[in-house]
Amino acid sequence: MVNVPVFLSGFGPDYGLGNNITLAQHEVQHTYQGQVTGPLYIPLNLIGGVASSIVDKKWNGPLNFMETGPQSTPPRATPW
């Protein structure tokens, strides 16, 4: 299996997200999440994103458990 992150123009792999984290480092953690959760990845991401959007008005807010690990320093797939 090969993971290939795709980046938009202007938001390449070296795009800085703060705390010395690049977009590539963040996104690779989501590929690991997808490997572990398999077909549940998208439903889990939707649940976390919707919950966070309702409470915090941000998809990537602190209630989105699928973003907690990738937004950590250093980035990791899980929040622990």
PDB file of N, CA and C in Angstrom:
ATOM      1  N   MET A   1       0.842  -1.170   0.000  1.00  0.00           N
ATOM      2  CA  MET A   1       0.000   0.000   0.000  1.00  0.00           C
ATOM      3  C   MET A   1       0.894   1.242   0.000  1.00  0.00           C
ATOM      4  N   VAL A   2       0.515   2.223  -0.778  1.00  0.00           N
ATOM      5  CA  VAL A   2       1.266   3.463  -0.866  1.00  0.00           C
ATOM      6  C   VAL A   2       0.335   4.620  -0.540  1.00  0.00           C
ATOM      7  N   ASN A   3       0.772   5.512   0.335  1.00  0.00           N
ATOM      8  CA  ASN A   3       0.010   6.715   0.656  1.00  0.00           C
ATOM      9  C   ASN A   3       0.580   7.875  -0.137  1.00  0.00           C
ATOM     10  N   VAL A   4      -0.313   8.645  -0.758  1.00  0.00           N
ATOM     11  CA  VAL A   4       0.122   9.793  -1.536  1.00  0.00           C
ATOM     12  C   VAL A   4      -0.719  10.999  -1.133  1.00  0.00           C
ATOM     13  N   PRO A   5      -0.163  11.912  -0.327  1.00  0.00           N
ATOM     14  CA  PRO A   5      -0.895  13.131  -0.011  1.00  0.00           C
ATOM     15  C   PRO A   5      -0.907  14.056  -1.232  1.00  0.00           C
ATOM     16  N   VAL A   6      -2.021  14.706  -1.466  1.00  0.00           N
ATOM     17  CA  VAL A   6      -2.164  15.640  -2.576  1.00  0.00           C
ATOM     18  C   VAL A   6      -2.343  17.034  -1.987  1.00  0.00           C
ATOM     19  N   PHE A   7      -1.593  17.997  -2.507  1.00  0.00           N
ATOM     20  CA  PHE A   7      -1.610  19.358  -1.988  1.00  0.00           C
ATOM     21  C   PHE A   7      -2.124  20.320  -3.048  1.00  0.00           C
ATOM     22  N   LEU A   8      -2.836  21.338  -2.621  1.00  0.00           N
ATOM     23  CA  LEU A   8      -3.332  22.373  -3.517  1.00  0.00           C
ATOM     24  C   LEU A   8      -2.231  23.385  -3.806  1.00  0.00           C
ATOM     25  N   SER A   9      -2.373  24.077  -4.907  1.00  0.00           N
ATOM     26  CA  SER A   9      -1.430  25.132  -5.253  1.00  0.00           C
ATOM     27  C   SER A   9      -1.411  26.183  -4.139  1.00  0.00           C
ATOM     28  N   GLY A  10      -0.225  26.549  -3.702  1.00  0.00           N
ATOM     29  CA  GLY A  10      -0.090  27.526  -2.626  1.00  0.00           C
ATOM     30  C   GLY A  10      -0.075  26.903  -1.240  1.00  0.00           C
ATOM     31  N   PHE A  11      -0.446  25.627  -1.146  1.00  0.00           N
ATOM     32  CA  PHE A  11      -0.444  24.911   0.132  1.00  0.00           C
ATOM     33  C   PHE A  11       0.319  23.606  -0.055  1.00  0.00           C
ATOM     34  N   GLY A  12       1.607  23.728  -0.364  1.00  0.00           N
ATOM     35  CA  GLY A  12       2.442  22.561  -0.618  1.00  0.00           C
ATOM     36  C   GLY A  12       2.889  21.889   0.658  1.00  0.00           C
ATOM     37  N   PRO A  13       3.685  20.844   0.519  1.00  0.00           N
ATOM     38  CA  PRO A  13       4.120  20.078   1.685  1.00  0.00           C
ATOM     39  C   PRO A  13       4.901  20.895   2.706  1.00  0.00           C
ATOM     40  N   ASP A  14       5.571  21.948   2.246  1.00  0.00           N
ATOM     41  CA  ASP A  14       6.382  22.765   3.162  1.00  0.00           C
ATOM     42  C   ASP A  14       5.604  23.926   3.773  1.00  0.00           C
ATOM     43  N   TYR A  15       4.315  24.015   3.484  1.00  0.00           N
ATOM     44  CA  TYR A  15       3.488  25.097   4.033  1.00  0.00           C
ATOM     45  C   TYR A  15       3.476  24.987   5.557  1.00  0.00           C
ATOM     46  N   GLY A  16       3.790  26.073   6.234  1.00  0.00           N
ATOM     47  CA  GLY A  16       3.884  26.060   7.692  1.00  0.00           C
ATOM     48  C   GLY A  16       2.533  26.203   8.372  1.00  0.00           C
ATOM     49  N   LEU A  17       2.291  25.360   9.357  1.00  0.00           N
ATOM     50  CA  LEU A  17       1.046  25.411  10.133  1.00  0.00           C
ATOM     51  C   LEU A  17       1.265  26.017  11.511  1.00  0.00           C
ATOM     52  N   GLY A  18       2.477  26.418  11.809  1.00  0.00           N
ATOM     53  CA  GLY A  18       2.800  26.930  13.139  1.00  0.00           C
ATOM     54  C   GLY A  18       3.474  25.856  13.965  1.00  0.00           C
ATOM     55  N   ASN A  19       4.124  26.276  15.035  1.00  0.00           N
ATOM     56  CA  ASN A  19       4.849  25.351  15.927  1.00  0.00           C
ATOM     57  C   ASN A  19       5.848  24.479  15.176  1.00  0.00           C
ATOM     58  N   ASN A  20       6.436  25.029  14.093  1.00  0.00           N
ATOM     59  CA  ASN A  20       7.415  24.298  13.272  1.00  0.00           C
ATOM     60  C   ASN A  20       6.853  23.014  12.689  1.00  0.00           C
ATOM     61  N   ILE A  21       5.567  22.984  12.382  1.00  0.00           N
ATOM     62  CA  ILE A  21       4.910  21.834  11.765  1.00  0.00           C
ATOM     63  C   ILE A  21       4.569  22.196  10.323  1.00  0.00           C
ATOM     64  N   THR A  22       4.886  21.303   9.400  1.00  0.00           N
ATOM     65  CA  THR A  22       4.523  21.528   8.000  1.00  0.00           C
ATOM     66  C   THR A  22       3.230  20.788   7.678  1.00  0.00           C
ATOM     67  N   LEU A  23       2.628  21.201   6.590  1.00  0.00           N
ATOM     68  CA  LEU A  23       1.391  20.548   6.144  1.00  0.00           C
ATOM     69  C   LEU A  23       1.635  19.070   5.842  1.00  0.00           C
ATOM     70  N   ALA A  24       2.802  18.758   5.283  1.00  0.00           N
ATOM     71  CA  ALA A  24       3.119  17.350   4.997  1.00  0.00           C
ATOM     72  C   ALA A  24       3.184  16.522   6.275  1.00  0.00           C
ATOM     73  N   GLN A  25       3.818  17.056   7.317  1.00  0.00           N
ATOM     74  CA  GLN A  25       3.906  16.326   8.587  1.00  0.00           C
ATOM     75  C   GLN A  25       2.513  16.081   9.161  1.00  0.00           C
ATOM     76  N   HIS A  26       1.640  17.063   9.031  1.00  0.00           N
ATOM     77  CA  HIS A  26       0.268  16.952   9.534  1.00  0.00           C
ATOM     78  C   HIS A  26      -0.515  15.901   8.733  1.00  0.00           C
ATOM     79  N   GLU A  27      -0.458  16.025   7.416  1.00  0.00           N
ATOM     80  CA  GLU A  27      -1.273  15.153   6.568  1.00  0.00           C
ATOM     81  C   GLU A  27      -0.836  13.693   6.599  1.00  0.00           C
ATOM     82  N   VAL A  28       0.458  13.444   6.777  1.00  0.00           N
ATOM     83  CA  VAL A  28       0.910  12.051   6.840  1.00  0.00           C
ATOM     84  C   VAL A  28       0.296  11.341   8.049  1.00  0.00           C
ATOM     85  N   GLN A  29       0.007  12.076   9.110  1.00  0.00           N
ATOM     86  CA  GLN A  29      -0.632  11.474  10.282  1.00  0.00           C
ATOM     87  C   GLN A  29      -2.053  11.010   9.943  1.00  0.00           C
ATOM     88  N   HIS A  30      -2.726  11.762   9.067  1.00  0.00           N
ATOM     89  CA  HIS A  30      -4.059  11.331   8.632  1.00  0.00           C
ATOM     90  C   HIS A  30      -3.978  10.046   7.801  1.00  0.00           C
ATOM     91  N   THR A  31      -2.900   9.860   7.045  1.00  0.00           N
ATOM     92  CA  THR A  31      -2.776   8.612   6.294  1.00  0.00           C
ATOM     93  C   THR A  31      -2.604   7.435   7.251  1.00  0.00           C
ATOM     94  N   TYR A  32      -1.854   7.651   8.347  1.00  0.00           N
ATOM     95  CA  TYR A  32      -1.724   6.589   9.356  1.00  0.00           C
ATOM     96  C   TYR A  32      -3.078   6.308  10.018  1.00  0.00           C
ATOM     97  N   GLN A  33      -3.847   7.361  10.296  1.00  0.00           N
ATOM     98  CA  GLN A  33      -5.187   7.169  10.864  1.00  0.00           C
ATOM     99  C   GLN A  33      -6.034   6.325   9.922  1.00  0.00           C
ATOM    100  N   GLY A  34      -5.947   6.616   8.633  1.00  0.00           N
ATOM    101  CA  GLY A  34      -6.721   5.864   7.644  1.00  0.00           C
ATOM    102  C   GLY A  34      -6.313   4.401   7.584  1.00  0.00           C
ATOM    103  N   GLN A  35      -5.030   4.128   7.756  1.00  0.00           N
ATOM    104  CA  GLN A  35      -4.567   2.740   7.755  1.00  0.00           C
ATOM    105  C   GLN A  35      -5.122   1.980   8.951  1.00  0.00           C
ATOM    106  N   VAL A  36      -5.193   2.641  10.081  1.00  0.00           N
ATOM    107  CA  VAL A  36      -5.660   1.975  11.306  1.00  0.00           C
ATOM    108  C   VAL A  36      -7.172   1.818  11.313  1.00  0.00           C
ATOM    109  N   THR A  37      -7.886   2.852  10.919  1.00  0.00           N
ATOM    110  CA  THR A  37      -9.353   2.820  11.031  1.00  0.00           C
ATOM    111  C   THR A  37     -10.044   2.277   9.789  1.00  0.00           C
ATOM    112  N   GLY A  38      -9.324   2.206   8.670  1.00  0.00           N
ATOM    113  CA  GLY A  38      -9.891   1.651   7.443  1.00  0.00           C
ATOM    114  C   GLY A  38     -11.138   2.399   6.998  1.00  0.00           C
ATOM    115  N   PRO A  39     -12.219   1.652   6.705  1.00  0.00           N
ATOM    116  CA  PRO A  39     -13.424   2.297   6.199  1.00  0.00           C
ATOM    117  C   PRO A  39     -14.120   3.195   7.229  1.00  0.00           C
ATOM    118  N   LEU A  40     -13.707   3.128   8.478  1.00  0.00           N
ATOM    119  CA  LEU A  40     -14.312   4.006   9.492  1.00  0.00           C
ATOM    120  C   LEU A  40     -13.668   5.391   9.519  1.00  0.00           C
ATOM    121  N   TYR A  41     -12.579   5.587   8.751  1.00  0.00           N
ATOM    122  CA  TYR A  41     -11.873   6.871   8.791  1.00  0.00           C
ATOM    123  C   TYR A  41     -12.793   8.039   8.435  1.00  0.00           C
ATOM    124  N   ILE A  42     -13.486   7.950   7.321  1.00  0.00           N
ATOM    125  CA  ILE A  42     -14.334   9.076   6.893  1.00  0.00           C
ATOM    126  C   ILE A  42     -15.483   9.305   7.868  1.00  0.00           C
ATOM    127  N   PRO A  43     -16.232   8.272   8.297  1.00  0.00           N
ATOM    128  CA  PRO A  43     -17.278   8.542   9.294  1.00  0.00           C
ATOM    129  C   PRO A  43     -16.738   9.138  10.593  1.00  0.00           C
ATOM    130  N   LEU A  44     -15.589   8.653  11.063  1.00  0.00           N
ATOM    131  CA  LEU A  44     -15.004   9.203  12.285  1.00  0.00           C
ATOM    132  C   LEU A  44     -14.595  10.661  12.093  1.00  0.00           C
ATOM    133  N   ASN A  45     -14.021  10.960  10.938  1.00  0.00           N
ATOM    134  CA  ASN A  45     -13.620  12.334  10.653  1.00  0.00           C
ATOM    135  C   ASN A  45     -14.851  13.243  10.575  1.00  0.00           C
ATOM    136  N   LEU A  46     -15.922  12.757   9.995  1.00  0.00           N
ATOM    137  CA  LEU A  46     -17.162  13.545   9.927  1.00  0.00           C
ATOM    138  C   LEU A  46     -17.759  13.783  11.315  1.00  0.00           C
ATOM    139  N   ILE A  47     -17.779  12.754  12.133  1.00  0.00           N
ATOM    140  CA  ILE A  47     -18.311  12.896  13.502  1.00  0.00           C
ATOM    141  C   ILE A  47     -17.499  13.922  14.283  1.00  0.00           C
ATOM    142  N   GLY A  48     -16.171  13.786  14.244  1.00  0.00           N
ATOM    143  CA  GLY A  48     -15.307  14.729  14.960  1.00  0.00           C
ATOM    144  C   GLY A  48     -15.443  16.140  14.419  1.00  0.00           C
ATOM    145  N   GLY A  49     -15.485  16.277  13.108  1.00  0.00           N
ATOM    146  CA  GLY A  49     -15.575  17.595  12.494  1.00  0.00           C
ATOM    147  C   GLY A  49     -16.902  18.286  12.754  1.00  0.00           C
ATOM    148  N   VAL A  50     -18.001  17.540  12.657  1.00  0.00           N
ATOM    149  CA  VAL A  50     -19.321  18.124  12.903  1.00  0.00           C
ATOM    150  C   VAL A  50     -19.461  18.519  14.364  1.00  0.00           C
ATOM    151  N   ALA A  51     -19.040  17.659  15.281  1.00  0.00           N
ATOM    152  CA  ALA A  51     -19.118  17.984  16.712  1.00  0.00           C
ATOM    153  C   ALA A  51     -18.323  19.242  17.021  1.00  0.00           C
ATOM    154  N   SER A  52     -17.126  19.321  16.480  1.00  0.00           N
ATOM    155  CA  SER A  52     -16.291  20.491  16.721  1.00  0.00           C
ATOM    156  C   SER A  52     -16.895  21.740  16.081  1.00  0.00           C
ATOM    157  N   SER A  53     -17.472  21.590  14.894  1.00  0.00           N
ATOM    158  CA  SER A  53     -18.092  22.732  14.215  1.00  0.00           C
ATOM    159  C   SER A  53     -19.291  23.275  14.981  1.00  0.00           C
ATOM    160  N   ILE A  54     -20.072  22.397  15.563  1.00  0.00           N
ATOM    161  CA  ILE A  54     -21.256  22.825  16.316  1.00  0.00           C
ATOM    162  C   ILE A  54     -20.855  23.576  17.582  1.00  0.00           C
ATOM    163  N   VAL A  55     -19.908  23.031  18.314  1.00  0.00           N
ATOM    164  CA  VAL A  55     -19.534  23.606  19.607  1.00  0.00           C
ATOM    165  C   VAL A  55     -18.531  24.744  19.459  1.00  0.00           C
ATOM    166  N   ASP A  56     -17.526  24.557  18.619  1.00  0.00           N
ATOM    167  CA  ASP A  56     -16.401  25.487  18.555  1.00  0.00           C
ATOM    168  C   ASP A  56     -16.389  26.335  17.279  1.00  0.00           C
ATOM    169  N   LYS A  57     -17.322  26.052  16.359  1.00  0.00           N
ATOM    170  CA  LYS A  57     -17.403  26.768  15.080  1.00  0.00           C
ATOM    171  C   LYS A  57     -16.177  26.556  14.191  1.00  0.00           C
ATOM    172  N   LYS A  58     -15.350  25.541  14.498  1.00  0.00           N
ATOM    173  CA  LYS A  58     -14.178  25.235  13.688  1.00  0.00           C
ATOM    174  C   LYS A  58     -14.091  23.730  13.461  1.00  0.00           C
ATOM    175  N   TRP A  59     -14.000  23.328  12.190  1.00  0.00           N
ATOM    176  CA  TRP A  59     -13.880  21.903  11.863  1.00  0.00           C
ATOM    177  C   TRP A  59     -12.647  21.305  12.543  1.00  0.00           C
ATOM    178  N   ASN A  60     -11.557  22.040  12.551  1.00  0.00           N
ATOM    179  CA  ASN A  60     -10.306  21.548  13.133  1.00  0.00           C
ATOM    180  C   ASN A  60     -10.154  21.954  14.589  1.00  0.00           C
ATOM    181  N   GLY A  61     -11.252  22.246  15.247  1.00  0.00           N
ATOM    182  CA  GLY A  61     -11.210  22.660  16.641  1.00  0.00           C
ATOM    183  C   GLY A  61     -10.829  21.537  17.587  1.00  0.00           C
ATOM    184  N   PRO A  62     -10.723  21.835  18.860  1.00  0.00           N
ATOM    185  CA  PRO A  62     -10.241  20.862  19.835  1.00  0.00           C
ATOM    186  C   PRO A  62     -11.155  19.653  20.040  1.00  0.00           C
ATOM    187  N   LEU A  63     -12.409  19.747  19.655  1.00  0.00           N
ATOM    188  CA  LEU A  63     -13.296  18.595  19.813  1.00  0.00           C
ATOM    189  C   LEU A  63     -13.189  17.583  18.675  1.00  0.00           C
ATOM    190  N   ASN A  64     -12.501  17.939  17.603  1.00  0.00           N
ATOM    191  CA  ASN A  64     -12.314  16.984  16.510  1.00  0.00           C
ATOM    192  C   ASN A  64     -11.147  16.068  16.868  1.00  0.00           C
ATOM    193  N   PHE A  65     -11.463  14.915  17.404  1.00  0.00           N
ATOM    194  CA  PHE A  65     -10.457  13.966  17.880  1.00  0.00           C
ATOM    195  C   PHE A  65      -9.565  13.448  16.756  1.00  0.00           C
ATOM    196  N   MET A  66      -9.986  13.590  15.507  1.00  0.00           N
ATOM    197  CA  MET A  66      -9.160  13.169  14.373  1.00  0.00           C
ATOM    198  C   MET A  66      -8.092  14.221  14.036  1.00  0.00           C
ATOM    199  N   GLU A  67      -8.182  15.385  14.619  1.00  0.00           N
ATOM    200  CA  GLU A  67      -7.202  16.442  14.386  1.00  0.00           C
ATOM    201  C   GLU A  67      -6.264  16.645  15.571  1.00  0.00           C
ATOM    202  N   THR A  68      -6.619  16.157  16.727  1.00  0.00           N
ATOM    203  CA  THR A  68      -5.833  16.394  17.931  1.00  0.00           C
ATOM    204  C   THR A  68      -4.395  15.891  17.781  1.00  0.00           C
ATOM    205  N   GLY A  69      -4.216  14.666  17.346  1.00  0.00           N
ATOM    206  CA  GLY A  69      -2.873  14.110  17.171  1.00  0.00           C
ATOM    207  C   GLY A  69      -2.084  14.794  16.067  1.00  0.00           C
ATOM    208  N   PRO A  70      -2.654  14.925  14.846  1.00  0.00           N
ATOM    209  CA  PRO A  70      -1.910  15.590  13.776  1.00  0.00           C
ATOM    210  C   PRO A  70      -1.550  17.042  14.074  1.00  0.00           C
ATOM    211  N   GLN A  71      -2.294  17.710  14.945  1.00  0.00           N
ATOM    212  CA  GLN A  71      -1.982  19.092  15.290  1.00  0.00           C
ATOM    213  C   GLN A  71      -1.029  19.202  16.484  1.00  0.00           C
ATOM    214  N   SER A  72      -0.644  18.076  17.045  1.00  0.00           N
ATOM    215  CA  SER A  72       0.276  18.072  18.189  1.00  0.00           C
ATOM    216  C   SER A  72       1.698  18.392  17.737  1.00  0.00           C
ATOM    217  N   THR A  73       2.551  18.700  18.695  1.00  0.00           N
ATOM    218  CA  THR A  73       3.966  18.928  18.420  1.00  0.00           C
ATOM    219  C   THR A  73       4.772  17.900  19.209  1.00  0.00           C
ATOM    220  N   PRO A  74       5.416  16.953  18.560  1.00  0.00           N
ATOM    221  CA  PRO A  74       5.412  16.705  17.126  1.00  0.00           C
ATOM    222  C   PRO A  74       4.112  16.035  16.697  1.00  0.00           C
ATOM    223  N   PRO A  75       3.766  16.134  15.403  1.00  0.00           N
ATOM    224  CA  PRO A  75       2.526  15.518  14.916  1.00  0.00           C
ATOM    225  C   PRO A  75       2.546  14.002  15.098  1.00  0.00           C
ATOM    226  N   ARG A  76       1.405  13.458  15.447  1.00  0.00           N
ATOM    227  CA  ARG A  76       1.256  12.006  15.577  1.00  0.00           C
ATOM    228  C   ARG A  76      -0.166  11.622  15.170  1.00  0.00           C
ATOM    229  N   ALA A  77      -0.387  10.368  14.924  1.00  0.00           N
ATOM    230  CA  ALA A  77      -1.687   9.927  14.421  1.00  0.00           C
ATOM    231  C   ALA A  77      -2.765   9.931  15.497  1.00  0.00           C
ATOM    232  N   THR A  78      -2.366   9.684  16.752  1.00  0.00           N
ATOM    233  CA  THR A  78      -3.340   9.611  17.834  1.00  0.00           C
ATOM    234  C   THR A  78      -3.137  10.749  18.814  1.00  0.00           C
ATOM    235  N   PRO A  79      -4.161  11.080  19.583  1.00  0.00           N
ATOM    236  CA  PRO A  79      -4.003  12.174  20.532  1.00  0.00           C
ATOM    237  C   PRO A  79      -3.157  11.825  21.761  1.00  0.00           C
ATOM    238  N   TRP A  80      -2.819  10.571  21.968  1.00  0.00           N
ATOM    239  CA  TRP A  80      -2.042  10.190  23.144  1.00  0.00           C
ATOM    240  C   TRP A  80      -0.615   9.874  22.788  1.00  0.00           C
TER     241      TRP A  80
END
